C-alpha atoms as a PDB file:
ATOM      1  CA  UNK A   1       0.000   0.000   0.000  1.00  0.00           C
ATOM      2  CA  UNK A   2       1.586   3.252  -1.131  1.00  0.00           C
ATOM      3  CA  UNK A   3      -0.566   5.594   0.950  1.00  0.00           C
ATOM      4  CA  UNK A   4      -1.938   5.389   4.455  1.00  0.00           C
ATOM      5  CA  UNK A   5      -5.259   3.587   4.938  1.00  0.00           C
ATOM      6  CA  UNK A   6      -7.435   5.485   7.391  1.00  0.00           C
ATOM      7  CA  UNK A   7      -9.536   2.983   9.312  1.00  0.00           C
ATOM      8  CA  UNK A   8     -12.155   4.254  11.776  1.00  0.00           C
ATOM      9  CA  UNK A   9     -13.488   2.026  14.560  1.00  0.00           C
ATOM     10  CA  UNK A  10     -16.943   2.487  16.065  1.00  0.00           C
ATOM     11  CA  UNK A  11     -15.656   1.464  19.492  1.00  0.00           C
ATOM     12  CA  UNK A  12     -12.443   0.379  21.140  1.00  0.00           C
ATOM     13  CA  UNK A  13     -11.576  -3.320  21.025  1.00  0.00           C
ATOM     14  CA  UNK A  14      -8.549  -4.177  23.173  1.00  0.00           C
ATOM     15  CA  UNK A  15      -5.507  -4.921  21.042  1.00  0.00           C
ATOM     16  CA  UNK A  16      -7.265  -4.346  17.713  1.00  0.00           C
ATOM     17  CA  UNK A  17      -5.300  -1.274  16.636  1.00  0.00           C
ATOM     18  CA  UNK A  18      -2.028  -3.088  17.286  1.00  0.00           C
ATOM     19  CA  UNK A  19      -3.237  -6.106  15.279  1.00  0.00           C
ATOM     20  CA  UNK A  20      -4.230  -3.907  12.363  1.00  0.00           C
ATOM     21  CA  UNK A  21      -0.913  -2.109  12.319  1.00  0.00           C
ATOM     22  CA  UNK A  22       0.870  -5.458  12.339  1.00  0.00           C
ATOM     23  CA  UNK A  23      -0.931  -6.281   9.075  1.00  0.00           C
ATOM     24  CA  UNK A  24       0.452  -3.162   7.397  1.00  0.00           C
ATOM     25  CA  UNK A  25       2.479  -0.370   8.931  1.00  0.00           C
ATOM     26  CA  UNK A  26       0.624   2.162   6.768  1.00  0.00           C
ATOM     27  CA  UNK A  27      -2.740   1.496   8.416  1.00  0.00           C
ATOM     28  CA  UNK A  28      -3.899   4.404  10.533  1.00  0.00           C
ATOM     29  CA  UNK A  29      -6.561   2.962  12.837  1.00  0.00           C
ATOM     30  CA  UNK A  30      -8.408   5.088  15.361  1.00  0.00           C
ATOM     31  CA  UNK A  31     -11.580   5.096  17.452  1.00  0.00           C
ATOM     32  CA  UNK A  32     -14.198   7.617  16.396  1.00  0.00           C
ATOM     33  CA  UNK A  33     -15.158  10.246  18.976  1.00  0.00           C
ATOM     34  CA  UNK A  34     -18.460   9.743  20.763  1.00  0.00           C
ATOM     35  CA  UNK A  35     -21.523  11.374  19.281  1.00  0.00           C
ATOM     36  CA  UNK A  36     -22.036  13.402  22.469  1.00  0.00           C
ATOM     37  CA  UNK A  37     -18.713  15.051  21.590  1.00  0.00           C
ATOM     38  CA  UNK A  38     -18.848  15.058  17.778  1.00  0.00           C
ATOM     39  CA  UNK A  39     -16.005  17.498  17.227  1.00  0.00           C
ATOM     40  CA  UNK A  40     -14.786  17.931  13.674  1.00  0.00           C
ATOM     41  CA  UNK A  41     -15.493  15.557  10.813  1.00  0.00           C
ATOM     42  CA  UNK A  42     -12.746  12.987  10.345  1.00  0.00           C
ATOM     43  CA  UNK A  43     -11.175  11.539   7.219  1.00  0.00           C
ATOM     44  CA  UNK A  44     -11.631   7.769   6.952  1.00  0.00           C
ATOM     45  CA  UNK A  45     -11.389   5.346   4.060  1.00  0.00           C
ATOM     46  CA  UNK A  46     -13.017   2.496   5.988  1.00  0.00           C
ATOM     47  CA  UNK A  47     -15.226   1.990   9.024  1.00  0.00           C
ATOM     48  CA  UNK A  48     -15.678  -1.013  11.319  1.00  0.00           C
ATOM     49  CA  UNK A  49     -19.071  -1.129  13.049  1.00  0.00           C
ATOM     50  CA  UNK A  50     -21.151  -3.660  14.972  1.00  0.00           C
ATOM     51  CA  UNK A  51     -23.974  -5.680  13.426  1.00  0.00           C
ATOM     52  CA  UNK A  52     -26.499  -4.030  15.729  1.00  0.00           C
ATOM     53  CA  UNK A  53     -25.447  -0.615  14.488  1.00  0.00           C
ATOM     54  CA  UNK A  54     -26.851   1.445  17.326  1.00  0.00           C
ATOM     55  CA  UNK A  55     -28.676   4.747  17.476  1.00  0.00           C
ATOM     56  CA  UNK A  56     -25.420   6.691  17.097  1.00  0.00           C
ATOM     57  CA  UNK A  57     -24.559   5.129  13.755  1.00  0.00           C
ATOM     58  CA  UNK A  58     -26.010   7.846  11.467  1.00  0.00           C
ATOM     59  CA  UNK A  59     -23.850  10.479  13.143  1.00  0.00           C
ATOM     60  CA  UNK A  60     -20.770   8.242  13.022  1.00  0.00           C
ATOM     61  CA  UNK A  61     -21.198   7.583   9.303  1.00  0.00           C
ATOM     62  CA  UNK A  62     -21.932  11.212   8.515  1.00  0.00           C
ATOM     63  CA  UNK A  63     -18.855  12.312  10.453  1.00  0.00           C
ATOM     64  CA  UNK A  64     -16.560  10.305   8.158  1.00  0.00           C
ATOM     65  CA  UNK A  65     -15.266  12.108   5.083  1.00  0.00           C
ATOM     66  CA  UNK A  66     -14.068  10.036   2.094  1.00  0.00           C
ATOM     67  CA  UNK A  67     -15.666   6.840   3.408  1.00  0.00           C
ATOM     68  CA  UNK A  68     -15.510   4.029   0.822  1.00  0.00           C
ATOM     69  CA  UNK A  69     -15.843   0.755   2.723  1.00  0.00           C
ATOM     70  CA  UNK A  70     -17.861  -0.346   5.770  1.00  0.00           C
ATOM     71  CA  UNK A  71     -17.348  -3.725   7.459  1.00  0.00           C
ATOM     72  CA  UNK A  72     -20.165  -4.923   9.716  1.00  0.00           C
ATOM     73  CA  UNK A  73     -18.784  -7.102  12.508  1.00  0.00           C
ATOM     74  CA  UNK A  74     -21.481  -9.761  12.464  1.00  0.00           C
ATOM     75  CA  UNK A  75     -22.857 -12.559  10.312  1.00  0.00           C
ATOM     76  CA  UNK A  76     -26.360 -11.147   9.825  1.00  0.00           C
ATOM     77  CA  UNK A  77     -27.082  -7.566   8.792  1.00  0.00           C
ATOM     78  CA  UNK A  78     -30.886  -7.405   9.150  1.00  0.00           C
ATOM     79  CA  UNK A  79     -30.595  -5.247  12.292  1.00  0.00           C
ATOM     80  CA  UNK A  80     -28.255  -2.824  10.558  1.00  0.00           C
ATOM     81  CA  UNK A  81     -29.569   0.372   8.876  1.00  0.00           C
ATOM     82  CA  UNK A  82     -28.162  -0.441   5.443  1.00  0.00           C
ATOM     83  CA  UNK A  83     -29.800   2.620   3.890  1.00  0.00           C
ATOM     84  CA  UNK A  84     -27.105   4.716   5.579  1.00  0.00           C
ATOM     85  CA  UNK A  85     -24.352   3.020   3.577  1.00  0.00           C
ATOM     86  CA  UNK A  86     -26.195   2.212   0.350  1.00  0.00           C
ATOM     87  CA  UNK A  87     -23.588   3.908  -1.823  1.00  0.00           C
ATOM     88  CA  UNK A  88     -20.622   2.335  -0.015  1.00  0.00           C
ATOM     89  CA  UNK A  89     -18.856  -0.988  -0.378  1.00  0.00           C
ATOM     90  CA  UNK A  90     -20.260  -3.038   2.514  1.00  0.00           C
ATOM     91  CA  UNK A  91     -18.987  -6.361   3.848  1.00  0.00           C
ATOM     92  CA  UNK A  92     -19.716  -8.503   6.895  1.00  0.00           C
ATOM     93  CA  UNK A  93     -18.336 -11.541   8.738  1.00  0.00           C
ATOM     94  CA  UNK A  94     -20.725 -13.930   6.987  1.00  0.00           C
ATOM     95  CA  UNK A  95     -19.921 -17.585   7.566  1.00  0.00           C
ATOM     96  CA  UNK A  96     -17.837 -17.056  10.692  1.00  0.00           C
ATOM     97  CA  UNK A  97     -20.335 -18.961  12.851  1.00  0.00           C
ATOM     98  CA  UNK A  98     -21.317 -21.601  10.286  1.00  0.00           C
ATOM     99  CA  UNK A  99     -19.528 -24.507  11.977  1.00  0.00           C
ATOM    100  CA  UNK A 100     -20.974 -24.102  15.499  1.00  0.00           C
ATOM    101  CA  UNK A 101     -24.463 -23.427  14.125  1.00  0.00           C
ATOM    102  CA  UNK A 102     -24.278 -26.517  11.908  1.00  0.00           C
ATOM    103  CA  UNK A 103     -23.214 -28.608  14.886  1.00  0.00           C
ATOM    104  CA  UNK A 104     -26.123 -27.242  16.936  1.00  0.00           C
ATOM    105  CA  UNK A 105     -28.535 -28.209  14.156  1.00  0.00           C
ATOM    106  CA  UNK A 106     -27.156 -31.752  14.015  1.00  0.00           C
ATOM    107  CA  UNK A 107     -27.465 -31.989  17.795  1.00  0.00           C
ATOM    108  CA  UNK A 108     -31.154 -31.063  17.530  1.00  0.00           C
ATOM    109  CA  UNK A 109     -31.776 -33.599  14.750  1.00  0.00           C
ATOM    110  CA  UNK A 110     -30.155 -36.350  16.793  1.00  0.00           C
ATOM    111  CA  UNK A 111     -31.895 -35.314  20.013  1.00  0.00           C
ATOM    112  CA  UNK A 112     -35.231 -35.484  18.211  1.00  0.00           C
ATOM    113  CA  UNK A 113     -34.674 -38.892  16.585  1.00  0.00           C
ATOM    114  CA  UNK A 114     -33.049 -40.446  19.671  1.00  0.00           C
ATOM    115  CA  UNK A 115     -35.623 -38.920  22.050  1.00  0.00           C
ATOM    116  CA  UNK A 116     -33.042 -37.144  24.181  1.00  0.00           C
ATOM    117  CA  UNK A 117     -33.063 -36.479  27.056  1.00  0.00           C
ATOM    118  CA  UNK A 118     -36.285 -38.474  27.605  1.00  0.00           C
ATOM    119  CA  UNK A 119     -34.648 -41.792  26.699  1.00  0.00           C
ATOM    120  CA  UNK A 120     -32.062 -41.418  29.455  1.00  0.00           C
ATOM    121  CA  UNK A 121     -32.928 -43.207  32.687  1.00  0.00           C
ATOM    122  CA  UNK A 122     -32.253 -42.457  36.339  1.00  0.00           C
ATOM    123  CA  UNK A 123     -34.119 -45.488  37.721  1.00  0.00           C
ATOM    124  CA  UNK A 124     -34.970 -48.973  36.425  1.00  0.00           C
ATOM    125  CA  UNK A 125     -37.132 -48.580  33.287  1.00  0.00           C
ATOM    126  CA  UNK A 126     -40.120 -50.690  32.384  1.00  0.00           C
ATOM    127  CA  UNK A 127     -38.023 -52.590  29.850  1.00  0.00           C
ATOM    128  CA  UNK A 128     -34.393 -52.881  28.830  1.00  0.00           C
ATOM    129  CA  UNK A 129     -33.274 -53.143  25.201  1.00  0.00           C
ATOM    130  CA  UNK A 130     -36.550 -52.008  23.660  1.00  0.00           C
ATOM    131  CA  UNK A 131     -37.247 -48.512  22.313  1.00  0.00           C
ATOM    132  CA  UNK A 132     -38.910 -46.836  19.364  1.00  0.00           C
ATOM    133  CA  UNK A 133     -36.132 -44.494  18.279  1.00  0.00           C
ATOM    134  CA  UNK A 134     -35.755 -42.804  14.928  1.00  0.00           C
ATOM    135  CA  UNK A 135     -32.719 -42.600  12.665  1.00  0.00           C
ATOM    136  CA  UNK A 136     -31.193 -39.904  10.491  1.00  0.00           C
ATOM    137  CA  UNK A 137     -30.048 -42.442   7.906  1.00  0.00           C
ATOM    138  CA  UNK A 138     -32.214 -42.306   4.761  1.00  0.00           C
ATOM    139  CA  UNK A 139     -34.365 -39.479   6.159  1.00  0.00           C
ATOM    140  CA  UNK A 140     -34.649 -36.246   4.177  1.00  0.00           C
ATOM    141  CA  UNK A 141     -33.279 -32.923   5.364  1.00  0.00           C
ATOM    142  CA  UNK A 142     -34.668 -29.813   3.689  1.00  0.00           C
ATOM    143  CA  UNK A 143     -32.542 -26.679   4.074  1.00  0.00           C
ATOM    144  CA  UNK A 144     -34.077 -23.303   3.282  1.00  0.00           C
ATOM    145  CA  UNK A 145     -31.202 -20.934   2.609  1.00  0.00           C
ATOM    146  CA  UNK A 146     -28.018 -22.390   1.161  1.00  0.00           C
ATOM    147  CA  UNK A 147     -25.282 -19.968   2.091  1.00  0.00           C
ATOM    148  CA  UNK A 148     -22.340 -20.736   4.362  1.00  0.00           C
ATOM    149  CA  UNK A 149     -24.515 -22.017   7.223  1.00  0.00           C
ATOM    150  CA  UNK A 150     -26.785 -24.110   5.017  1.00  0.00           C
ATOM    151  CA  UNK A 151     -23.806 -25.664   3.264  1.00  0.00           C
ATOM    152  CA  UNK A 152     -22.081 -26.447   6.575  1.00  0.00           C
ATOM    153  CA  UNK A 153     -25.255 -28.190   7.757  1.00  0.00           C
ATOM    154  CA  UNK A 154     -25.531 -30.123   4.494  1.00  0.00           C
ATOM    155  CA  UNK A 155     -21.970 -31.473   4.672  1.00  0.00           C
ATOM    156  CA  UNK A 156     -22.559 -32.817   8.160  1.00  0.00           C
ATOM    157  CA  UNK A 157     -25.961 -34.263   7.295  1.00  0.00           C
ATOM    158  CA  UNK A 158     -24.526 -36.108   4.298  1.00  0.00           C
ATOM    159  CA  UNK A 159     -22.055 -37.840   6.594  1.00  0.00           C
ATOM    160  CA  UNK A 160     -25.076 -39.278   8.444  1.00  0.00           C
ATOM    161  CA  UNK A 161     -26.350 -40.695   5.126  1.00  0.00           C
ATOM    162  CA  UNK A 162     -29.271 -38.286   5.004  1.00  0.00           C
ATOM    163  CA  UNK A 163     -30.903 -37.210   1.754  1.00  0.00           C
ATOM    164  CA  UNK A 164     -30.290 -33.468   1.569  1.00  0.00           C
ATOM    165  CA  UNK A 165     -32.306 -31.006  -0.492  1.00  0.00           C
ATOM    166  CA  UNK A 166     -32.004 -27.225  -0.382  1.00  0.00           C
ATOM    167  CA  UNK A 167     -34.249 -24.356  -1.457  1.00  0.00           C
ATOM    168  CA  UNK A 168     -32.632 -21.735  -3.682  1.00  0.00           C
ATOM    169  CA  UNK A 169     -34.152 -18.775  -5.519  1.00  0.00           C
ATOM    170  CA  UNK A 170     -32.877 -19.739  -8.954  1.00  0.00           C
ATOM    171  CA  UNK A 171     -31.577 -22.999 -10.340  1.00  0.00           C
ATOM    172  CA  UNK A 172     -27.824 -23.547 -10.147  1.00  0.00           C
ATOM    173  CA  UNK A 173     -25.442 -26.406  -9.624  1.00  0.00           C
ATOM    174  CA  UNK A 174     -24.958 -27.355  -5.989  1.00  0.00           C
ATOM    175  CA  UNK A 175     -21.714 -26.176  -4.353  1.00  0.00           C
ATOM    176  CA  UNK A 176     -21.970 -29.245  -2.108  1.00  0.00           C
ATOM    177  CA  UNK A 177     -21.859 -32.542  -4.046  1.00  0.00           C
ATOM    178  CA  UNK A 178     -24.752 -34.793  -3.112  1.00  0.00           C
ATOM    179  CA  UNK A 179     -27.222 -31.990  -2.383  1.00  0.00           C
ATOM    180  CA  UNK A 180     -30.214 -31.510  -4.680  1.00  0.00           C
ATOM    181  CA  UNK A 181     -31.265 -27.899  -5.167  1.00  0.00           C
ATOM    182  CA  UNK A 182     -34.984 -27.085  -5.426  1.00  0.00           C
ATOM    183  CA  UNK A 183     -36.648 -23.819  -6.436  1.00  0.00           C
ATOM    184  CA  UNK A 184     -40.173 -24.575  -5.235  1.00  0.00           C
ATOM    185  CA  UNK A 185     -40.692 -24.222  -1.477  1.00  0.00           C
ATOM    186  CA  UNK A 186     -43.676 -26.574  -1.326  1.00  0.00           C
ATOM    187  CA  UNK A 187     -41.700 -29.318  -3.062  1.00  0.00           C
ATOM    188  CA  UNK A 188     -39.069 -29.118  -0.356  1.00  0.00           C
ATOM    189  CA  UNK A 189     -41.592 -29.000   2.486  1.00  0.00           C
ATOM    190  CA  UNK A 190     -43.536 -32.001   1.210  1.00  0.00           C
ATOM    191  CA  UNK A 191     -40.409 -34.166   1.007  1.00  0.00           C
ATOM    192  CA  UNK A 192     -38.584 -33.210   4.197  1.00  0.00           C
ATOM    193  CA  UNK A 193     -38.554 -35.074   7.499  1.00  0.00           C
ATOM    194  CA  UNK A 194     -36.524 -32.217   8.974  1.00  0.00           C
ATOM    195  CA  UNK A 195     -36.744 -28.612   7.766  1.00  0.00           C
ATOM    196  CA  UNK A 196     -34.002 -26.147   8.698  1.00  0.00           C
ATOM    197  CA  UNK A 197     -34.322 -22.387   8.251  1.00  0.00           C
ATOM    198  CA  UNK A 198     -30.888 -20.935   7.517  1.00  0.00           C
ATOM    199  CA  UNK A 199     -31.701 -17.984   5.277  1.00  0.00           C
ATOM    200  CA  UNK A 200     -31.277 -14.245   5.900  1.00  0.00           C
ATOM    201  CA  UNK A 201     -34.086 -12.151   7.306  1.00  0.00           C
ATOM    202  CA  UNK A 202     -35.355  -9.844   4.562  1.00  0.00           C
ATOM    203  CA  UNK A 203     -38.764  -8.381   3.701  1.00  0.00           C
ATOM    204  CA  UNK A 204     -39.206 -11.296   1.270  1.00  0.00           C
ATOM    205  CA  UNK A 205     -38.548 -13.953   3.946  1.00  0.00           C
ATOM    206  CA  UNK A 206     -40.684 -12.336   6.639  1.00  0.00           C
ATOM    207  CA  UNK A 207     -43.415 -14.818   7.605  1.00  0.00           C
ATOM    208  CA  UNK A 208     -42.125 -17.384   5.114  1.00  0.00           C
ATOM    209  CA  UNK A 209     -43.205 -20.317   7.275  1.00  0.00           C
ATOM    210  CA  UNK A 210     -46.794 -19.470   8.160  1.00  0.00           C
ATOM    211  CA  UNK A 211     -49.857 -21.631   8.466  1.00  0.00           C
ATOM    212  CA  UNK A 212     -50.031 -22.434   4.751  1.00  0.00           C
ATOM    213  CA  UNK A 213     -46.378 -23.489   4.553  1.00  0.00           C
ATOM    214  CA  UNK A 214     -46.755 -25.585   7.701  1.00  0.00           C
ATOM    215  CA  UNK A 215     -49.704 -27.438   6.183  1.00  0.00           C
ATOM    216  CA  UNK A 216     -47.522 -28.202   3.168  1.00  0.00           C
ATOM    217  CA  UNK A 217     -44.952 -29.847   5.440  1.00  0.00           C
ATOM    218  CA  UNK A 218     -44.743 -33.611   5.631  1.00  0.00           C
ATOM    219  CA  UNK A 219     -46.888 -34.862   8.547  1.00  0.00           C
ATOM    220  CA  UNK A 220     -44.709 -35.360  11.602  1.00  0.00           C
ATOM    221  CA  UNK A 221     -41.904 -33.139  10.301  1.00  0.00           C
ATOM    222  CA  UNK A 222     -39.352 -31.449  12.540  1.00  0.00           C
ATOM    223  CA  UNK A 223     -38.832 -27.678  12.115  1.00  0.00           C
ATOM    224  CA  UNK A 224     -35.493 -26.119  13.079  1.00  0.00           C
ATOM    225  CA  UNK A 225     -34.912 -22.352  13.076  1.00  0.00           C
ATOM    226  CA  UNK A 226     -31.410 -20.887  13.371  1.00  0.00           C
ATOM    227  CA  UNK A 227     -32.219 -17.810  11.275  1.00  0.00           C
ATOM    228  CA  UNK A 228     -34.583 -15.171  12.642  1.00  0.00           C
ATOM    229  CA  UNK A 229     -37.866 -15.520  14.518  1.00  0.00           C
ATOM    230  CA  UNK A 230     -39.844 -13.374  12.071  1.00  0.00           C
ATOM    231  CA  UNK A 231     -39.571 -16.118   9.448  1.00  0.00           C
ATOM    232  CA  UNK A 232     -41.998 -18.282  11.469  1.00  0.00           C
ATOM    233  CA  UNK A 233     -45.596 -17.571  12.501  1.00  0.00           C
ATOM    234  CA  UNK A 234     -45.344 -18.632  16.145  1.00  0.00           C
ATOM    235  CA  UNK A 235     -49.101 -18.946  16.684  1.00  0.00           C
ATOM    236  CA  UNK A 236     -49.441 -21.139  13.595  1.00  0.00           C
ATOM    237  CA  UNK A 237     -46.528 -23.163  14.911  1.00  0.00           C
ATOM    238  CA  UNK A 238     -48.294 -23.645  18.221  1.00  0.00           C
ATOM    239  CA  UNK A 239     -51.425 -24.907  16.457  1.00  0.00           C
ATOM    240  CA  UNK A 240     -49.457 -27.344  14.302  1.00  0.00           C
ATOM    241  CA  UNK A 241     -47.491 -28.643  17.273  1.00  0.00           C
ATOM    242  CA  UNK A 242     -50.689 -29.128  19.278  1.00  0.00           C
ATOM    243  CA  UNK A 243     -52.391 -31.106  16.531  1.00  0.00           C
ATOM    244  CA  UNK A 244     -49.262 -33.168  15.827  1.00  0.00           C
ATOM    245  CA  UNK A 245     -48.799 -32.108  12.209  1.00  0.00           C
ATOM    246  CA  UNK A 246     -45.353 -30.821  13.249  1.00  0.00           C
ATOM    247  CA  UNK A 247     -43.779 -33.263  15.673  1.00  0.00           C
ATOM    248  CA  UNK A 248     -41.036 -31.003  16.987  1.00  0.00           C
ATOM    249  CA  UNK A 249     -39.741 -27.447  16.760  1.00  0.00           C
ATOM    250  CA  UNK A 250     -36.121 -26.769  17.653  1.00  0.00           C
ATOM    251  CA  UNK A 251     -35.802 -23.021  18.087  1.00  0.00           C
ATOM    252  CA  UNK A 252     -32.722 -20.929  18.734  1.00  0.00           C
ATOM    253  CA  UNK A 253     -34.557 -17.734  17.776  1.00  0.00           C
ATOM    254  CA  UNK A 254     -37.943 -16.516  19.012  1.00  0.00           C
ATOM    255  CA  UNK A 255     -39.968 -13.329  19.225  1.00  0.00           C
ATOM    256  CA  UNK A 256     -39.502 -11.461  21.484  1.00  0.00           C
ATOM    257  CA  UNK A 257     -36.035 -12.112  22.830  1.00  0.00           C
ATOM    258  CA  UNK A 258     -35.858 -12.810  25.653  1.00  0.00           C
ATOM    259  CA  UNK A 259     -39.268 -14.467  25.957  1.00  0.00           C
ATOM    260  CA  UNK A 260     -41.295 -13.308  28.968  1.00  0.00           C
ATOM    261  CA  UNK A 261     -41.812 -15.707  31.835  1.00  0.00           C
ATOM    262  CA  UNK A 262     -44.596 -18.277  31.358  1.00  0.00           C
ATOM    263  CA  UNK A 263     -44.594 -17.930  27.566  1.00  0.00           C
ATOM    264  CA  UNK A 264     -46.088 -21.022  25.925  1.00  0.00           C
ATOM    265  CA  UNK A 265     -42.848 -21.834  24.081  1.00  0.00           C
ATOM    266  CA  UNK A 266     -41.096 -22.488  27.411  1.00  0.00           C
ATOM    267  CA  UNK A 267     -43.758 -24.981  28.411  1.00  0.00           C
ATOM    268  CA  UNK A 268     -44.550 -26.845  25.198  1.00  0.00           C
ATOM    269  CA  UNK A 269     -43.380 -30.482  25.389  1.00  0.00           C
ATOM    270  CA  UNK A 270     -42.584 -30.610  21.669  1.00  0.00           C
ATOM    271  CA  UNK A 271     -40.246 -27.607  21.639  1.00  0.00           C
ATOM    272  CA  UNK A 272     -36.480 -27.653  22.062  1.00  0.00           C
ATOM    273  CA  UNK A 273     -35.589 -24.042  22.947  1.00  0.00           C
ATOM    274  CA  UNK A 274     -32.180 -22.433  23.385  1.00  0.00           C
ATOM    275  CA  UNK A 275     -31.525 -18.726  24.079  1.00  0.00           C
ATOM    276  CA  UNK A 276     -29.991 -17.698  20.720  1.00  0.00           C
ATOM    277  CA  UNK A 277     -26.712 -19.496  21.383  1.00  0.00           C
ATOM    278  CA  UNK A 278     -26.358 -21.808  18.367  1.00  0.00           C
ATOM    279  CA  UNK A 279     -23.560 -19.545  17.091  1.00  0.00           C
ATOM    280  CA  UNK A 280     -21.472 -20.031  20.229  1.00  0.00           C
ATOM    281  CA  UNK A 281     -18.166 -21.860  20.095  1.00  0.00           C
ATOM    282  CA  UNK A 282     -14.494 -21.490  20.957  1.00  0.00           C
ATOM    283  CA  UNK A 283     -12.540 -18.468  19.701  1.00  0.00           C
ATOM    284  CA  UNK A 284     -15.630 -16.645  18.461  1.00  0.00           C
ATOM    285  CA  UNK A 285     -14.003 -13.213  18.484  1.00  0.00           C
ATOM    286  CA  UNK A 286     -11.192 -14.565  16.327  1.00  0.00           C
ATOM    287  CA  UNK A 287     -13.725 -16.228  13.997  1.00  0.00           C
ATOM    288  CA  UNK A 288     -15.646 -12.981  13.556  1.00  0.00           C
ATOM    289  CA  UNK A 289     -12.512 -10.897  13.070  1.00  0.00           C
ATOM    290  CA  UNK A 290     -10.863 -13.200  10.507  1.00  0.00           C
ATOM    291  CA  UNK A 291     -12.996 -12.054   7.511  1.00  0.00           C
ATOM    292  CA  UNK A 292     -12.407  -8.436   8.513  1.00  0.00           C
ATOM    293  CA  UNK A 293      -8.627  -8.879   8.654  1.00  0.00           C
ATOM    294  CA  UNK A 294      -8.686 -10.624   5.260  1.00  0.00           C
ATOM    295  CA  UNK A 295     -10.651  -7.709   3.835  1.00  0.00           C
ATOM    296  CA  UNK A 296      -8.278  -5.160   5.350  1.00  0.00           C
ATOM    297  CA  UNK A 297      -5.424  -6.796   3.446  1.00  0.00           C
ATOM    298  CA  UNK A 298      -7.475  -6.938   0.260  1.00  0.00           C
ATOM    299  CA  UNK A 299      -8.619  -3.311   0.568  1.00  0.00           C
ATOM    300  CA  UNK A 300      -5.044  -2.185   1.201  1.00  0.00           C
ATOM    301  CA  UNK A 301      -3.941  -3.895  -1.999  1.00  0.00           C
ATOM    302  CA  UNK A 302      -6.907  -2.840  -4.151  1.00  0.00           C
ATOM    303  CA  UNK A 303      -8.117  -6.431  -4.403  1.00  0.00           C
ATOM    304  CA  UNK A 304     -11.725  -7.724  -4.323  1.00  0.00           C
ATOM    305  CA  UNK A 305     -13.262  -8.092  -0.871  1.00  0.00           C
ATOM    306  CA  UNK A 306     -15.073 -11.162   0.436  1.00  0.00           C
ATOM    307  CA  UNK A 307     -18.561 -11.344   1.969  1.00  0.00           C
ATOM    308  CA  UNK A 308     -19.887  -8.295   0.112  1.00  0.00           C
ATOM    309  CA  UNK A 309     -23.391  -7.294   1.239  1.00  0.00           C
ATOM    310  CA  UNK A 310     -26.068  -6.448  -1.315  1.00  0.00           C
ATOM    311  CA  UNK A 311     -27.487  -3.362   0.401  1.00  0.00           C
ATOM    312  CA  UNK A 312     -30.612  -3.501  -1.752  1.00  0.00           C
ATOM    313  CA  UNK A 313     -31.397  -7.186  -1.131  1.00  0.00           C
ATOM    314  CA  UNK A 314     -30.442  -6.842   2.535  1.00  0.00           C
ATOM    315  CA  UNK A 315     -27.879  -9.625   2.858  1.00  0.00           C
END
């Protein structure tokens, strides 16, 4: 890099400035002043901000002269006011949490088929040896959304000898050998023993799995949501769980978060609920920062950036 790269940070992250300068001695990284003390406008080529954005974000963006690139430190950008950066190059840390989320999904599939924890015993059972457990082998997994998370789930499911199909908007060859791509949502729902939502939250996906879609699901299907709660009609889900059309819902996302005490989702016997932790795993800060560091190097060398966000589509 022949000239200094001016990189503004929304907030201080211990050790980050030193790490950035170790990538290239010409990087000038600094924390933006607080909006309660706006001071003068600052010159910045790039800006690192959080996925949640925050109410101060408009002022922070407007206070940056010459801004060309914004990196959102998160895997989803639906909570971020993308209209503020519509004319900028925008990237995110998409895919950084794919492995732990995929493992969480497989844990839910296995827990459902093996009736865990109900099949564990703490006293002599009525009978040894006998049980009516399910199996992932030869069952069909339908994945709605086939980005980094969906593909990570598919690779693991294939190793369990599952049949894997995935919903995509337009026909293309599958990036994961062995996965059949489907354009029609109802086709996927009618075939799937397990349905996983792994697509971004956009206006188009809002309410995607409502009462009509649930009725199209294979009787006794298992619904897994690791995306966003607004994709699922929770009252329709309750009805379909109660009547047995959906045998299980494994939910890492719900509305609202956190759920109030005594909410029906806490109590329903056919719901596996976790508090939005499917993304969690070791070294998560490093996982989230890795795409950003790669993009810093690329930006410094005028090379294409990875994980570019379509600010119009919203992901």
